[in-house]
N, C-alpha and C. Protein backbone atom coordinates (compact mmCIF):
# COMPACT_ATOMS: atom_id res chain seq x y z
N MET A 1 0.53 -1.39 0.28
CA MET A 1 0.11 0.30 0.26
C MET A 1 0.63 1.53 0.72
N ILE A 2 2.26 1.10 0.54
CA ILE A 2 2.78 2.11 0.82
C ILE A 2 3.75 2.56 -1.25
N VAL A 3 3.96 1.18 -1.25
CA VAL A 3 4.47 1.61 -2.50
C VAL A 3 3.24 2.35 -3.46
N LEU A 4 2.28 2.00 -3.58
CA LEU A 4 1.13 2.40 -4.56
C LEU A 4 0.82 3.83 -3.95
N GLY A 5 0.83 4.37 -3.34
CA GLY A 5 1.00 5.27 -2.36
C GLY A 5 1.89 6.52 -3.02
N ILE A 6 3.02 5.69 -3.07
CA ILE A 6 4.30 6.80 -3.81
C ILE A 6 4.67 7.15 -4.95
N ILE A 7 3.65 5.43 -5.72
CA ILE A 7 3.32 6.08 -7.03
C ILE A 7 2.69 6.87 -7.66
N LEU A 8 1.61 6.85 -6.49
CA LEU A 8 0.33 7.77 -7.32
C LEU A 8 0.53 8.83 -6.94
N LEU A 9 1.42 9.37 -5.68
CA LEU A 9 2.22 11.00 -5.63
C LEU A 9 3.36 11.20 -6.37
N VAL A 10 3.75 10.06 -6.93
CA VAL A 10 5.16 10.53 -8.18
C VAL A 10 3.85 11.06 -9.81
N VAL A 11 3.08 9.79 -9.32
CA VAL A 11 2.31 10.27 -11.44
C VAL A 11 1.55 11.21 -11.29
N GLY A 12 0.89 11.55 -9.97
CA GLY A 12 -0.22 13.28 -9.81
C GLY A 12 0.96 14.17 -9.67
N PHE A 13 1.70 13.90 -9.70
CA PHE A 13 3.45 15.25 -9.27
C PHE A 13 3.34 16.00 -10.83
N LEU A 14 3.61 14.40 -11.47
CA LEU A 14 4.44 14.91 -13.22
C LEU A 14 3.08 14.99 -14.17
N THR A 15 2.20 14.49 -13.75
CA THR A 15 1.01 15.05 -14.27
C THR A 15 0.35 16.80 -14.13
N GLY A 16 0.33 16.73 -12.94
CA GLY A 16 -0.41 17.96 -12.60
C GLY A 16 -1.69 17.60 -12.10
N ILE A 17 -2.19 16.26 -11.55
CA ILE A 17 -3.46 15.93 -11.58
C ILE A 17 -3.55 15.93 -9.69
N GLY A 18 -4.44 16.88 -9.29
CA GLY A 18 -4.35 17.27 -7.68
C GLY A 18 -5.29 15.76 -6.89
N ILE A 19 -6.23 15.34 -7.18
CA ILE A 19 -6.43 14.03 -6.80
C ILE A 19 -5.75 12.61 -6.80
N LEU A 20 -4.92 12.19 -7.76
CA LEU A 20 -3.88 11.46 -7.26
C LEU A 20 -3.00 11.33 -6.59
N TRP A 21 -2.53 13.06 -6.40
CA TRP A 21 -1.84 13.92 -5.27
C TRP A 21 -2.38 13.53 -3.73
N THR A 22 -3.57 13.61 -3.99
CA THR A 22 -4.69 13.65 -2.51
C THR A 22 -4.72 12.03 -2.32
N ILE A 23 -4.81 10.87 -3.40
CA ILE A 23 -5.18 9.58 -3.02
C ILE A 23 -3.74 9.11 -2.50
N GLY A 24 -2.68 9.15 -3.16
CA GLY A 24 -1.37 8.89 -2.84
C GLY A 24 -1.32 8.79 -1.32
N ILE A 25 -1.44 10.79 -0.93
CA ILE A 25 -0.72 10.78 0.41
C ILE A 25 -1.40 10.08 1.37
N ILE A 26 -2.85 9.38 1.22
CA ILE A 26 -4.00 9.13 2.18
C ILE A 26 -3.05 7.34 1.95
N LEU A 27 -2.73 6.24 1.24
CA LEU A 27 -2.64 5.55 1.19
C LEU A 27 -1.36 4.63 1.59
N ALA A 28 0.36 6.44 1.39
CA ALA A 28 0.81 6.30 2.06
C ALA A 28 1.21 6.30 3.74
N VAL A 29 0.08 7.26 4.07
CA VAL A 29 -0.10 7.29 5.44
C VAL A 29 -0.50 5.69 5.99
N ILE A 30 -1.95 5.89 4.75
CA ILE A 30 -2.69 4.52 6.25
C ILE A 30 -1.86 3.30 5.54
N GLY A 31 -0.44 3.22 5.12
CA GLY A 31 0.42 2.06 4.90
C GLY A 31 1.03 1.74 5.94
N ALA A 32 1.93 3.30 6.38
CA ALA A 32 2.80 3.75 7.00
C ALA A 32 2.53 3.05 8.50
N ILE A 33 1.08 3.17 8.83
CA ILE A 33 0.27 3.10 10.03
C ILE A 33 0.14 2.00 10.66
N LEU A 34 -0.64 0.74 9.28
CA LEU A 34 -0.83 -0.03 9.44
C LEU A 34 0.56 -0.88 9.68
N TRP A 35 1.90 -1.07 9.08
CA TRP A 35 2.97 -1.18 8.74
C TRP A 35 3.49 -1.27 10.74
N ILE A 36 3.80 0.22 11.16
CA ILE A 36 3.84 0.68 12.70
C ILE A 36 2.82 -0.75 13.24
N LEU A 37 1.70 -0.46 13.08
CA LEU A 37 1.24 -1.47 14.19
C LEU A 37 1.48 -2.92 14.03
N GLY A 38 0.96 -3.32 12.68
CA GLY A 38 1.72 -4.52 12.31
C GLY A 38 2.90 -5.13 13.26
N SER A 39 4.47 -4.15 12.96
CA SER A 39 5.25 -4.05 13.29
C SER A 39 5.39 -4.74 15.16
N MET A 40 4.74 -3.44 16.31
CA MET A 40 4.38 -3.15 17.57
C MET A 40 4.02 -4.53 18.10
N GLY A 41 3.04 -5.99 17.06
CA GLY A 41 2.97 -6.74 17.63
C GLY A 41 1.72 -6.50 17.46
N HIS A 42 0.78 -5.82 17.81
CA HIS A 42 -0.94 -5.99 17.14
C HIS A 42 -1.71 -6.19 16.18
N ALA A 43 -2.83 -7.12 16.25
CA ALA A 43 -2.95 -7.87 15.01
C ALA A 43 -4.09 -6.51 14.05
N VAL A 44 -3.76 -7.07 13.05
CA VAL A 44 -4.29 -5.75 12.25
C VAL A 44 -5.38 -6.78 11.58
N ALA A 45 -6.20 -6.43 10.77
CA ALA A 45 -7.63 -6.97 10.30
C ALA A 45 -7.35 -8.15 10.46
N GLY A 46 -6.92 -8.93 10.96
CA GLY A 46 -6.38 -10.75 11.55
C GLY A 46 -5.91 -11.09 11.41
N ARG A 47 -4.90 -10.24 10.52
CA ARG A 47 -3.43 -10.81 10.67
C ARG A 47 -2.77 -10.57 11.89
N ARG A 48 -1.66 -11.74 12.40
CA ARG A 48 -0.42 -10.93 13.66
C ARG A 48 0.87 -10.42 12.34
N HIS A 49 0.92 -10.08 11.94
CA HIS A 49 1.92 -8.88 11.17
C HIS A 49 0.99 -8.64 9.94
N TYR A 50 1.30 -7.20 9.34
CA TYR A 50 0.92 -6.42 8.53
C TYR A 50 2.26 -6.26 7.52
N TRP A 51 3.00 -6.94 5.97
CA TRP A 51 3.32 -6.76 5.26
C TRP A 51 3.25 -5.55 4.40
């Protein structure tokens, strides 16, 4: 999810499409939060680890 967010950020920046930039930021932040929760040992969406 983090990689997809970064790709959308780059594409949105290069093409000037604001919605892609916004969606990219949202996906990158959500992916980072899930990654941090998974690395702390909390179950995320029924999984012990989130990659």
